[in-house]
Amino acid sequence: MEKSLDQMHEENERLRAKLDEQEKEIAQLKKLNEKYVDESRLFHALMDNIPDAVFFKNREGHFIRVNNAWASRREGVTPDDAIGK
């Protein structure tokens, strides 16, 4: 069964509306991603430069992040060395 011109026009309009909706959602997600990237950069800058020793552990008690100040207080240990320990 072939679609009438009116049916095709209506379907086209529905698809355009859905596309507009998806484009808006994509724009919102891009903004959220930019905010996340900015916050992540700020966090890493803080962790890399704060003079206080800072670390995070997971529920199992393993290090998931340590900063340079923490590592510098342990001879021969880098932040990467501590991860997972």
N, C-alpha and C. Protein backbone atom coordinates (compact mmCIF):
# COMPACT_ATOMS: atom_id res chain seq x y z
N MET A 1 0.85 -1.18 0.00
CA MET A 1 0.00 0.00 0.00
C MET A 1 0.90 1.24 0.00
N GLU A 2 0.65 2.11 -0.91
CA GLU A 2 1.45 3.32 -1.01
C GLU A 2 0.90 4.39 -0.08
N LYS A 3 1.81 5.22 0.42
CA LYS A 3 1.41 6.32 1.29
C LYS A 3 0.98 7.50 0.45
N SER A 4 0.02 8.20 0.96
CA SER A 4 -0.41 9.41 0.26
C SER A 4 0.59 10.52 0.52
N LEU A 5 0.52 11.54 -0.26
CA LEU A 5 1.41 12.69 -0.09
C LEU A 5 1.22 13.33 1.27
N ASP A 6 0.00 13.39 1.76
CA ASP A 6 -0.27 13.95 3.09
C ASP A 6 0.35 13.09 4.18
N GLN A 7 0.28 11.78 4.03
CA GLN A 7 0.87 10.89 5.02
C GLN A 7 2.39 11.04 5.04
N MET A 8 2.98 11.15 3.86
CA MET A 8 4.43 11.32 3.79
C MET A 8 4.84 12.65 4.39
N HIS A 9 4.04 13.69 4.16
CA HIS A 9 4.32 15.00 4.73
C HIS A 9 4.23 14.95 6.26
N GLU A 10 3.22 14.29 6.78
CA GLU A 10 3.06 14.16 8.23
C GLU A 10 4.23 13.38 8.84
N GLU A 11 4.62 12.30 8.18
CA GLU A 11 5.75 11.51 8.67
C GLU A 11 7.04 12.34 8.63
N ASN A 12 7.22 13.09 7.60
CA ASN A 12 8.39 13.97 7.48
C ASN A 12 8.42 14.99 8.60
N GLU A 13 7.28 15.56 8.92
CA GLU A 13 7.20 16.54 10.01
C GLU A 13 7.52 15.89 11.35
N ARG A 14 7.02 14.67 11.58
CA ARG A 14 7.32 13.96 12.82
C ARG A 14 8.82 13.67 12.92
N LEU A 15 9.40 13.25 11.83
CA LEU A 15 10.83 12.96 11.82
C LEU A 15 11.66 14.23 12.05
N ARG A 16 11.24 15.33 11.44
CA ARG A 16 11.95 16.60 11.66
C ARG A 16 11.86 17.05 13.11
N ALA A 17 10.69 16.88 13.71
CA ALA A 17 10.52 17.26 15.12
C ALA A 17 11.40 16.39 16.00
N LYS A 18 11.45 15.09 15.69
CA LYS A 18 12.29 14.19 16.47
C LYS A 18 13.76 14.55 16.30
N LEU A 19 14.17 14.89 15.09
CA LEU A 19 15.54 15.30 14.82
C LEU A 19 15.89 16.58 15.59
N ASP A 20 14.97 17.55 15.59
CA ASP A 20 15.19 18.78 16.35
C ASP A 20 15.36 18.48 17.84
N GLU A 21 14.54 17.58 18.34
CA GLU A 21 14.62 17.19 19.75
C GLU A 21 15.98 16.55 20.06
N GLN A 22 16.43 15.67 19.17
CA GLN A 22 17.71 15.00 19.36
C GLN A 22 18.88 15.98 19.26
N GLU A 23 18.78 16.94 18.36
CA GLU A 23 19.83 17.96 18.24
C GLU A 23 19.94 18.79 19.51
N LYS A 24 18.80 19.12 20.11
CA LYS A 24 18.81 19.86 21.37
C LYS A 24 19.45 19.02 22.48
N GLU A 25 19.10 17.74 22.51
CA GLU A 25 19.68 16.85 23.52
C GLU A 25 21.19 16.72 23.33
N ILE A 26 21.63 16.62 22.09
CA ILE A 26 23.06 16.53 21.81
C ILE A 26 23.76 17.80 22.26
N ALA A 27 23.17 18.96 22.01
CA ALA A 27 23.76 20.23 22.43
C ALA A 27 23.88 20.28 23.96
N GLN A 28 22.85 19.80 24.66
CA GLN A 28 22.89 19.77 26.13
C GLN A 28 23.99 18.83 26.61
N LEU A 29 24.11 17.68 25.98
CA LEU A 29 25.15 16.73 26.37
C LEU A 29 26.54 17.29 26.11
N LYS A 30 26.71 18.02 25.03
CA LYS A 30 28.00 18.64 24.74
C LYS A 30 28.35 19.66 25.81
N LYS A 31 27.36 20.46 26.23
CA LYS A 31 27.60 21.43 27.29
C LYS A 31 27.98 20.74 28.59
N LEU A 32 27.27 19.67 28.92
CA LEU A 32 27.59 18.92 30.14
C LEU A 32 28.99 18.32 30.06
N ASN A 33 29.36 17.82 28.90
CA ASN A 33 30.68 17.25 28.72
C ASN A 33 31.76 18.32 28.88
N GLU A 34 31.53 19.49 28.30
CA GLU A 34 32.49 20.60 28.45
C GLU A 34 32.65 20.98 29.92
N LYS A 35 31.55 21.01 30.64
CA LYS A 35 31.60 21.33 32.07
C LYS A 35 32.39 20.26 32.82
N TYR A 36 32.14 18.99 32.49
CA TYR A 36 32.88 17.90 33.12
C TYR A 36 34.37 18.01 32.84
N VAL A 37 34.74 18.29 31.59
CA VAL A 37 36.15 18.41 31.23
C VAL A 37 36.79 19.56 32.00
N ASP A 38 36.10 20.69 32.10
CA ASP A 38 36.63 21.84 32.86
C ASP A 38 36.82 21.48 34.32
N GLU A 39 35.83 20.83 34.92
CA GLU A 39 35.91 20.45 36.33
C GLU A 39 37.04 19.43 36.54
N SER A 40 37.18 18.51 35.61
CA SER A 40 38.23 17.51 35.71
C SER A 40 39.61 18.17 35.65
N ARG A 41 39.78 19.11 34.75
CA ARG A 41 41.06 19.83 34.65
C ARG A 41 41.36 20.59 35.93
N LEU A 42 40.34 21.23 36.49
CA LEU A 42 40.52 21.96 37.74
C LEU A 42 40.92 21.01 38.87
N PHE A 43 40.24 19.88 38.95
CA PHE A 43 40.57 18.89 39.98
C PHE A 43 42.01 18.41 39.84
N HIS A 44 42.41 18.07 38.61
CA HIS A 44 43.77 17.58 38.40
C HIS A 44 44.81 18.65 38.70
N ALA A 45 44.52 19.90 38.34
CA ALA A 45 45.44 20.99 38.66
C ALA A 45 45.58 21.14 40.17
N LEU A 46 44.47 21.04 40.87
CA LEU A 46 44.50 21.13 42.33
C LEU A 46 45.29 19.97 42.93
N MET A 47 44.98 18.76 42.49
CA MET A 47 45.68 17.59 43.02
C MET A 47 47.18 17.65 42.73
N ASP A 48 47.55 18.14 41.57
CA ASP A 48 48.96 18.18 41.18
C ASP A 48 49.74 19.28 41.89
N ASN A 49 49.05 20.30 42.39
CA ASN A 49 49.76 21.46 42.93
C ASN A 49 49.54 21.76 44.39
N ILE A 50 48.57 21.15 45.03
CA ILE A 50 48.32 21.42 46.44
C ILE A 50 49.48 20.86 47.27
N PRO A 51 49.94 21.62 48.25
CA PRO A 51 51.09 21.14 49.02
C PRO A 51 50.72 20.06 50.06
N ASP A 52 49.46 19.89 50.32
CA ASP A 52 49.02 18.89 51.28
C ASP A 52 48.94 17.51 50.63
N ALA A 53 49.25 16.49 51.41
CA ALA A 53 49.15 15.12 50.93
C ALA A 53 47.67 14.73 50.85
N VAL A 54 47.25 14.31 49.66
CA VAL A 54 45.85 13.93 49.45
C VAL A 54 45.82 12.57 48.75
N PHE A 55 44.91 11.71 49.22
CA PHE A 55 44.73 10.42 48.55
C PHE A 55 43.27 10.01 48.65
N PHE A 56 42.88 9.14 47.73
CA PHE A 56 41.55 8.55 47.73
C PHE A 56 41.71 7.05 47.66
N LYS A 57 40.88 6.35 48.44
CA LYS A 57 40.87 4.89 48.41
C LYS A 57 39.47 4.42 48.05
N ASN A 58 39.41 3.24 47.44
CA ASN A 58 38.11 2.65 47.15
C ASN A 58 37.62 1.90 48.38
N ARG A 59 36.50 1.26 48.27
CA ARG A 59 35.90 0.56 49.42
C ARG A 59 36.74 -0.60 49.90
N GLU A 60 37.55 -1.13 49.01
CA GLU A 60 38.42 -2.24 49.39
C GLU A 60 39.71 -1.76 50.06
N GLY A 61 39.89 -0.45 50.14
CA GLY A 61 41.06 0.11 50.80
C GLY A 61 42.26 0.30 49.89
N HIS A 62 42.06 0.18 48.58
CA HIS A 62 43.15 0.38 47.63
C HIS A 62 43.17 1.83 47.16
N PHE A 63 44.37 2.36 46.97
CA PHE A 63 44.51 3.72 46.47
C PHE A 63 43.98 3.82 45.04
N ILE A 64 43.15 4.83 44.80
CA ILE A 64 42.68 5.08 43.45
C ILE A 64 43.22 6.40 42.91
N ARG A 65 43.72 7.25 43.81
CA ARG A 65 44.35 8.51 43.39
C ARG A 65 45.17 9.03 44.55
N VAL A 66 46.40 9.42 44.26
CA VAL A 66 47.24 10.10 45.25
C VAL A 66 47.90 11.27 44.53
N ASN A 67 48.18 12.31 45.28
CA ASN A 67 48.81 13.47 44.64
C ASN A 67 50.33 13.42 44.82
N ASN A 68 50.98 14.36 44.14
CA ASN A 68 52.45 14.43 44.18
C ASN A 68 52.97 14.66 45.60
N ALA A 69 52.27 15.49 46.37
CA ALA A 69 52.71 15.78 47.73
C ALA A 69 52.69 14.51 48.58
N TRP A 70 51.67 13.68 48.40
CA TRP A 70 51.59 12.42 49.14
C TRP A 70 52.77 11.52 48.75
N ALA A 71 53.00 11.40 47.45
CA ALA A 71 54.07 10.52 46.96
C ALA A 71 55.45 11.02 47.38
N SER A 72 55.62 12.34 47.43
CA SER A 72 56.94 12.88 47.77
C SER A 72 57.31 12.59 49.23
N ARG A 73 56.34 12.28 50.05
CA ARG A 73 56.60 11.94 51.45
C ARG A 73 56.98 10.47 51.62
N ARG A 74 56.93 9.73 50.53
CA ARG A 74 57.30 8.31 50.54
C ARG A 74 58.44 8.13 49.54
N GLU A 75 59.58 7.85 50.06
CA GLU A 75 60.79 7.79 49.24
C GLU A 75 60.67 6.77 48.11
N GLY A 76 60.94 7.21 46.90
CA GLY A 76 60.94 6.33 45.75
C GLY A 76 59.58 5.92 45.24
N VAL A 77 58.51 6.58 45.71
CA VAL A 77 57.14 6.23 45.29
C VAL A 77 56.60 7.35 44.43
N THR A 78 56.02 6.98 43.30
CA THR A 78 55.33 7.96 42.45
C THR A 78 53.83 7.78 42.64
N PRO A 79 53.04 8.76 42.27
CA PRO A 79 51.59 8.58 42.38
C PRO A 79 51.10 7.33 41.64
N ASP A 80 51.68 7.06 40.47
CA ASP A 80 51.25 5.87 39.72
C ASP A 80 51.60 4.58 40.44
N ASP A 81 52.72 4.59 41.16
CA ASP A 81 53.13 3.39 41.92
C ASP A 81 52.10 3.01 42.98
N ALA A 82 51.47 3.99 43.55
CA ALA A 82 50.56 3.75 44.69
C ALA A 82 49.20 3.21 44.25
N ILE A 83 48.80 3.50 43.01
CA ILE A 83 47.45 3.13 42.55
C ILE A 83 47.29 1.61 42.62
N GLY A 84 46.19 1.21 43.25
CA GLY A 84 45.88 -0.22 43.37
C GLY A 84 46.47 -0.90 44.59
N LYS A 85 47.32 -0.21 45.32
CA LYS A 85 47.97 -0.81 46.49
C LYS A 85 47.11 -0.62 47.72
